[in-house]
C-alpha atoms as a PDB file:
ATOM      1  CA  MET A   1     -49.924 155.452  56.361  1.00  0.00           C
ATOM      2  CA  GLU A   2     -50.179 154.342  52.749  1.00  0.00           C
ATOM      3  CA  ASP A   3     -53.359 152.363  52.223  1.00  0.00           C
ATOM      4  CA  THR A   4     -53.818 152.616  48.461  1.00  0.00           C
ATOM      5  CA  TYR A   5     -52.731 149.793  46.176  1.00  0.00           C
ATOM      6  CA  ARG A   6     -53.248 148.561  42.620  1.00  0.00           C
ATOM      7  CA  THR A   7     -54.838 145.197  41.991  1.00  0.00           C
ATOM      8  CA  ILE A   8     -56.766 143.362  39.287  1.00  0.00           C
ATOM      9  CA  ALA A   9     -60.529 143.781  39.131  1.00  0.00           C
ATOM     10  CA  GLU A  10     -61.321 140.175  38.194  1.00  0.00           C
ATOM     11  CA  PRO A  11     -59.512 136.941  37.264  1.00  0.00           C
ATOM     12  CA  SER A  12     -57.613 136.938  33.957  1.00  0.00           C
ATOM     13  CA  GLU A  13     -55.538 134.432  32.033  1.00  0.00           C
ATOM     14  CA  GLY A  14     -52.663 134.073  29.625  1.00  0.00           C
ATOM     15  CA  LEU A  15     -51.021 131.280  27.638  1.00  0.00           C
ATOM     16  CA  TYR A  16     -47.452 130.642  26.472  1.00  0.00           C
ATOM     17  CA  LYS A  17     -46.261 127.674  24.399  1.00  0.00           C
ATOM     18  CA  GLU A  18     -42.668 126.559  23.940  1.00  0.00           C
ATOM     19  CA  LYS A  19     -41.365 123.313  22.358  1.00  0.00           C
ATOM     20  CA  GLY A  20     -44.570 121.433  23.061  1.00  0.00           C
ATOM     21  CA  SER A  21     -44.840 122.657  26.688  1.00  0.00           C
ATOM     22  CA  LYS A  22     -47.933 124.658  27.541  1.00  0.00           C
ATOM     23  CA  PHE A  23     -47.884 127.310  30.270  1.00  0.00           C
ATOM     24  CA  ILE A  24     -51.370 128.370  31.358  1.00  0.00           C
ATOM     25  CA  ALA A  25     -51.256 131.509  33.534  1.00  0.00           C
ATOM     26  CA  LEU A  26     -54.189 132.412  35.776  1.00  0.00           C
ATOM     27  CA  ALA A  27     -54.298 135.648  37.786  1.00  0.00           C
ATOM     28  CA  TYR A  28     -56.719 136.242  40.685  1.00  0.00           C
ATOM     29  CA  PRO A  29     -57.487 139.106  43.051  1.00  0.00           C
ATOM     30  CA  VAL A  30     -56.948 137.712  46.598  1.00  0.00           C
ATOM     31  CA  TYR A  31     -57.093 139.109  50.130  1.00  0.00           C
ATOM     32  CA  SER A  32     -55.677 136.376  52.360  1.00  0.00           C
ATOM     33  CA  GLU A  33     -53.412 133.331  52.454  1.00  0.00           C
ATOM     34  CA  GLU A  34     -56.547 131.228  53.072  1.00  0.00           C
ATOM     35  CA  GLU A  35     -57.981 132.382  49.758  1.00  0.00           C
ATOM     36  CA  VAL A  36     -54.676 131.540  48.013  1.00  0.00           C
ATOM     37  CA  LYS A  37     -54.811 127.978  49.435  1.00  0.00           C
ATOM     38  CA  GLU A  38     -58.426 127.484  48.319  1.00  0.00           C
ATOM     39  CA  ILE A  39     -57.693 128.644  44.758  1.00  0.00           C
ATOM     40  CA  LEU A  40     -54.578 126.437  44.519  1.00  0.00           C
ATOM     41  CA  ALA A  41     -56.495 123.394  45.810  1.00  0.00           C
ATOM     42  CA  GLY A  42     -59.236 124.019  43.228  1.00  0.00           C
ATOM     43  CA  LEU A  43     -56.708 124.356  40.386  1.00  0.00           C
ATOM     44  CA  ARG A  44     -54.884 121.168  41.401  1.00  0.00           C
ATOM     45  CA  LYS A  45     -58.205 119.319  41.046  1.00  0.00           C
ATOM     46  CA  GLN A  46     -59.125 121.027  37.777  1.00  0.00           C
ATOM     47  CA  TYR A  47     -55.679 120.603  36.166  1.00  0.00           C
ATOM     48  CA  TYR A  48     -54.833 117.345  37.982  1.00  0.00           C
ATOM     49  CA  ASP A  49     -52.828 116.019  35.018  1.00  0.00           C
ATOM     50  CA  ALA A  50     -50.434 119.015  34.797  1.00  0.00           C
ATOM     51  CA  ARG A  51     -46.772 118.550  35.729  1.00  0.00           C
ATOM     52  CA  HIS A  52     -46.312 121.785  37.746  1.00  0.00           C
ATOM     53  CA  HIS A  53     -48.479 124.414  39.461  1.00  0.00           C
ATOM     54  CA  CYS A  54     -46.006 127.272  40.086  1.00  0.00           C
ATOM     55  CA  TYR A  55     -47.253 130.463  41.688  1.00  0.00           C
ATOM     56  CA  ALA A  56     -46.503 133.748  43.398  1.00  0.00           C
ATOM     57  CA  TYR A  57     -48.619 136.196  45.327  1.00  0.00           C
ATOM     58  CA  SER A  58     -48.308 139.584  46.996  1.00  0.00           C
ATOM     59  CA  LEU A  59     -50.655 140.803  49.760  1.00  0.00           C
ATOM     60  CA  GLY A  60     -51.266 144.115  51.533  1.00  0.00           C
ATOM     61  CA  ALA A  61     -50.975 147.743  50.451  1.00  0.00           C
ATOM     62  CA  ASP A  62     -47.331 147.654  51.616  1.00  0.00           C
ATOM     63  CA  LYS A  63     -46.774 144.363  49.692  1.00  0.00           C
ATOM     64  CA  SER A  64     -45.056 142.965  52.806  1.00  0.00           C
ATOM     65  CA  ARG A  65     -46.575 139.475  52.559  1.00  0.00           C
ATOM     66  CA  TYR A  66     -45.501 137.575  49.474  1.00  0.00           C
ATOM     67  CA  ARG A  67     -44.404 134.148  48.385  1.00  0.00           C
ATOM     68  CA  ALA A  68     -42.959 132.481  45.288  1.00  0.00           C
ATOM     69  CA  ASN A  69     -43.202 128.718  44.757  1.00  0.00           C
ATOM     70  CA  ASP A  70     -41.375 126.693  42.066  1.00  0.00           C
ATOM     71  CA  ASP A  71     -43.436 123.499  42.638  1.00  0.00           C
ATOM     72  CA  GLY A  72     -40.642 121.140  41.599  1.00  0.00           C
ATOM     73  CA  GLU A  73     -39.116 123.257  38.831  1.00  0.00           C
ATOM     74  CA  PRO A  74     -35.412 124.209  39.298  1.00  0.00           C
ATOM     75  CA  ASN A  75     -34.869 126.763  42.096  1.00  0.00           C
ATOM     76  CA  HIS A  76     -35.933 130.322  41.211  1.00  0.00           C
ATOM     77  CA  SER A  77     -36.884 129.356  37.643  1.00  0.00           C
ATOM     78  CA  ALA A  78     -40.657 129.727  38.071  1.00  0.00           C
ATOM     79  CA  GLY A  79     -41.979 131.399  41.244  1.00  0.00           C
ATOM     80  CA  ASP A  80     -39.503 134.301  41.214  1.00  0.00           C
ATOM     81  CA  PRO A  81     -40.134 135.269  37.552  1.00  0.00           C
ATOM     82  CA  ILE A  82     -43.900 135.196  38.285  1.00  0.00           C
ATOM     83  CA  LEU A  83     -43.434 137.381  41.397  1.00  0.00           C
ATOM     84  CA  GLY A  84     -41.219 139.682  39.316  1.00  0.00           C
ATOM     85  CA  GLN A  85     -44.124 140.313  36.934  1.00  0.00           C
ATOM     86  CA  ILE A  86     -46.527 141.113  39.806  1.00  0.00           C
ATOM     87  CA  ARG A  87     -43.955 143.579  41.153  1.00  0.00           C
ATOM     88  CA  SER A  88     -43.103 145.189  37.838  1.00  0.00           C
ATOM     89  CA  ALA A  89     -46.826 145.830  37.275  1.00  0.00           C
ATOM     90  CA  ASP A  90     -46.861 147.362  40.811  1.00  0.00           C
ATOM     91  CA  LEU A  91     -49.742 145.138  41.942  1.00  0.00           C
ATOM     92  CA  SER A  92     -50.766 143.697  45.283  1.00  0.00           C
ATOM     93  CA  ASN A  93     -53.494 141.388  46.574  1.00  0.00           C
ATOM     94  CA  VAL A  94     -52.823 139.296  43.489  1.00  0.00           C
ATOM     95  CA  LEU A  95     -52.114 135.598  42.972  1.00  0.00           C
ATOM     96  CA  VAL A  96     -50.687 134.329  39.675  1.00  0.00           C
ATOM     97  CA  VAL A  97     -50.552 130.577  39.072  1.00  0.00           C
ATOM     98  CA  VAL A  98     -48.783 129.167  36.013  1.00  0.00           C
ATOM     99  CA  ILE A  99     -49.744 125.594  35.200  1.00  0.00           C
ATOM    100  CA  ARG A 100     -47.277 123.680  33.048  1.00  0.00           C
ATOM    101  CA  TYR A 101     -48.011 120.756  30.799  1.00  0.00           C
ATOM    102  CA  PHE A 102     -44.654 119.231  29.882  1.00  0.00           C
ATOM    103  CA  GLY A 103     -44.105 118.788  26.135  1.00  0.00           C
ATOM    104  CA  GLY A 104     -41.237 116.290  26.277  1.00  0.00           C
ATOM    105  CA  THR A 105     -38.413 118.726  25.507  1.00  0.00           C
ATOM    106  CA  LYS A 106     -36.470 120.270  28.390  1.00  0.00           C
ATOM    107  CA  LEU A 107     -36.244 124.056  28.165  1.00  0.00           C
ATOM    108  CA  GLY A 108     -33.279 124.615  30.503  1.00  0.00           C
ATOM    109  CA  VAL A 109     -33.329 127.106  33.361  1.00  0.00           C
ATOM    110  CA  SER A 110     -33.164 130.241  31.194  1.00  0.00           C
ATOM    111  CA  GLY A 111     -35.927 128.844  28.951  1.00  0.00           C
ATOM    112  CA  LEU A 112     -38.096 128.160  32.001  1.00  0.00           C
ATOM    113  CA  ILE A 113     -37.522 131.634  33.448  1.00  0.00           C
ATOM    114  CA  HIS A 114     -38.538 133.147  30.102  1.00  0.00           C
ATOM    115  CA  ALA A 115     -41.631 130.912  29.814  1.00  0.00           C
ATOM    116  CA  TYR A 116     -42.958 131.556  33.348  1.00  0.00           C
ATOM    117  CA  LYS A 117     -42.227 135.276  33.099  1.00  0.00           C
ATOM    118  CA  THR A 118     -43.947 135.580  29.704  1.00  0.00           C
ATOM    119  CA  ALA A 119     -47.011 133.551  30.738  1.00  0.00           C
ATOM    120  CA  ALA A 120     -47.454 135.611  33.936  1.00  0.00           C
ATOM    121  CA  ALA A 121     -47.001 138.896  32.006  1.00  0.00           C
ATOM    122  CA  GLU A 122     -49.604 137.719  29.489  1.00  0.00           C
ATOM    123  CA  ALA A 123     -52.204 137.025  32.216  1.00  0.00           C
ATOM    124  CA  LEU A 124     -51.586 140.402  33.896  1.00  0.00           C
ATOM    125  CA  SER A 125     -51.605 142.344  30.611  1.00  0.00           C
ATOM    126  CA  THR A 126     -55.202 141.275  29.891  1.00  0.00           C
ATOM    127  CA  ALA A 127     -56.400 142.144  33.424  1.00  0.00           C
ATOM    128  CA  THR A 128     -58.310 145.294  34.322  1.00  0.00           C
ATOM    129  CA  ILE A 129     -56.201 147.155  36.875  1.00  0.00           C
ATOM    130  CA  GLU A 130     -57.904 149.228  39.545  1.00  0.00           C
ATOM    131  CA  GLU A 131     -56.792 151.261  42.494  1.00  0.00           C
ATOM    132  CA  ARG A 132     -58.220 150.252  45.860  1.00  0.00           C
ATOM    133  CA  HIS A 133     -57.852 151.221  49.492  1.00  0.00           C
ATOM    134  CA  GLU A 134     -56.885 148.765  52.161  1.00  0.00           C
ATOM    135  CA  THR A 135     -59.823 148.381  54.504  1.00  0.00           C
ATOM    136  CA  ALA A 136     -60.602 147.010  57.945  1.00  0.00           C
ATOM    137  CA  LEU A 137     -63.864 145.559  59.203  1.00  0.00           C
ATOM    138  CA  LEU A 138     -65.366 146.998  62.358  1.00  0.00           C
ATOM    139  CA  GLN A 139     -68.098 145.225  64.212  1.00  0.00           C
ATOM    140  CA  VAL A 140     -70.305 147.723  66.007  1.00  0.00           C
ATOM    141  CA  HIS A 141     -72.712 146.724  68.795  1.00  0.00           C
ATOM    142  CA  PHE A 142     -75.282 149.243  70.000  1.00  0.00           C
ATOM    143  CA  ALA A 143     -78.770 149.550  71.431  1.00  0.00           C
ATOM    144  CA  TYR A 144     -81.593 150.539  69.096  1.00  0.00           C
ATOM    145  CA  PRO A 145     -81.834 154.169  70.372  1.00  0.00           C
ATOM    146  CA  GLN A 146     -78.235 154.795  69.184  1.00  0.00           C
ATOM    147  CA  MET A 147     -79.142 153.857  65.604  1.00  0.00           C
ATOM    148  CA  ASN A 148     -79.293 157.477  64.354  1.00  0.00           C
ATOM    149  CA  ASP A 149     -75.873 158.372  65.753  1.00  0.00           C
ATOM    150  CA  VAL A 150     -74.304 155.281  64.198  1.00  0.00           C
ATOM    151  CA  MET A 151     -76.021 155.805  60.832  1.00  0.00           C
ATOM    152  CA  SER A 152     -74.956 159.458  60.634  1.00  0.00           C
ATOM    153  CA  LEU A 153     -71.291 158.340  60.990  1.00  0.00           C
ATOM    154  CA  VAL A 154     -71.846 155.663  58.341  1.00  0.00           C
ATOM    155  CA  LYS A 155     -73.070 158.421  55.973  1.00  0.00           C
ATOM    156  CA  GLU A 156     -70.391 160.950  56.974  1.00  0.00           C
ATOM    157  CA  TYR A 157     -67.568 158.523  56.165  1.00  0.00           C
ATOM    158  CA  ASP A 158     -69.416 156.763  53.337  1.00  0.00           C
ATOM    159  CA  LEU A 159     -68.843 153.390  55.015  1.00  0.00           C
ATOM    160  CA  SER A 160     -69.935 150.177  53.389  1.00  0.00           C
ATOM    161  CA  ILE A 161     -72.279 148.049  55.544  1.00  0.00           C
ATOM    162  CA  LYS A 162     -71.278 144.406  55.128  1.00  0.00           C
ATOM    163  CA  GLU A 163     -73.939 142.941  57.407  1.00  0.00           C
ATOM    164  CA  GLN A 164     -76.472 144.225  59.867  1.00  0.00           C
ATOM    165  CA  GLN A 165     -78.933 142.940  62.357  1.00  0.00           C
ATOM    166  CA  PHE A 166     -81.474 145.180  64.088  1.00  0.00           C
ATOM    167  CA  GLU A 167     -83.176 143.814  67.126  1.00  0.00           C
ATOM    168  CA  LEU A 168     -83.155 145.026  70.708  1.00  0.00           C
ATOM    169  CA  ASP A 169     -79.370 144.890  70.472  1.00  0.00           C
ATOM    170  CA  CYS A 170     -78.146 145.933  67.056  1.00  0.00           C
ATOM    171  CA  ARG A 171     -75.041 144.730  65.298  1.00  0.00           C
ATOM    172  CA  MET A 172     -73.431 146.053  62.176  1.00  0.00           C
ATOM    173  CA  THR A 173     -70.220 145.163  60.327  1.00  0.00           C
ATOM    174  CA  LEU A 174     -68.716 148.181  58.592  1.00  0.00           C
ATOM    175  CA  GLU A 175     -65.900 148.353  56.077  1.00  0.00           C
ATOM    176  CA  VAL A 176     -63.648 151.331  56.696  1.00  0.00           C
ATOM    177  CA  ARG A 177     -60.454 152.616  55.040  1.00  0.00           C
ATOM    178  CA  LYS A 178     -57.432 151.485  57.068  1.00  0.00           C
ATOM    179  CA  LYS A 179     -56.133 155.003  57.562  1.00  0.00           C
ATOM    180  CA  LEU A 180     -59.516 156.197  58.889  1.00  0.00           C
ATOM    181  CA  GLN A 181     -59.998 153.165  61.144  1.00  0.00           C
ATOM    182  CA  GLU A 182     -58.896 154.828  64.407  1.00  0.00           C
ATOM    183  CA  GLU A 183     -60.748 158.059  63.670  1.00  0.00           C
ATOM    184  CA  VAL A 184     -64.021 156.247  62.892  1.00  0.00           C
ATOM    185  CA  SER A 185     -63.658 153.869  65.865  1.00  0.00           C
ATOM    186  CA  GLY A 186     -63.000 156.840  68.134  1.00  0.00           C
ATOM    187  CA  LYS A 187     -66.092 158.686  66.963  1.00  0.00           C
ATOM    188  CA  LEU A 188     -68.270 155.591  67.347  1.00  0.00           C
ATOM    189  CA  GLU A 189     -66.958 154.852  70.825  1.00  0.00           C
ATOM    190  CA  VAL A 190     -67.821 158.396  71.987  1.00  0.00           C
ATOM    191  CA  VAL A 191     -71.498 157.529  71.446  1.00  0.00           C
ATOM    192  CA  GLU A 192     -72.850 156.176  74.704  1.00  0.00           C
ATOM    193  CA  GLY A 193     -73.567 152.441  74.644  1.00  0.00           C
ATOM    194  CA  VAL A 194     -71.676 151.743  71.412  1.00  0.00           C
ATOM    195  CA  GLU A 195     -68.984 149.062  71.390  1.00  0.00           C
ATOM    196  CA  VAL A 196     -66.564 148.615  68.504  1.00  0.00           C
ATOM    197  CA  GLU A 197     -64.261 145.703  67.734  1.00  0.00           C
ATOM    198  CA  VAL A 198     -61.994 145.055  64.774  1.00  0.00           C
ATOM    199  CA  VAL A 199     -62.831 141.874  62.867  1.00  0.00           C
ATOM    200  CA  GLU A 200     -59.684 140.030  61.777  1.00  0.00           C
END
């Protein structure tokens, strides 16, 4: 199962101007549709006076979840060219929003496609690209005496501990590579008194 993908390390931006219209492109690393909605809502407040907020995103190592939105521009003249740039850079878990301030002169469909494509390419070209692994979160419940067994698996697989709570009953949330998820879960469940559940 392929669990490696390329994404951007931190938000980046680009700008394209054409006949008085300004296209501000903002790229973000994202992990869920919820995150996409929050970012879009924030940008609509910040750039409340802009004519269009067109965007595209791609999610998952297999890039199977994606969307392109023209936000009132002619069909396929904005969202698709933005998505095309994400794909040609072979990126995933990325959202690119292009905010347009209308300059009074219509650009025509081919002009719009060029503008949205160029603005999106500009934002992605300034981004730092990094390779990441798709991960899953496992919530592990165990009694205090099992601590050593759990911790030795955490070390063996170099798992990242996202949160932990040690009392009489201990709880730990571990981040694990997707393709190792079943193997790690299996090893944890072999330890007596350990329960594992996948956090969505």
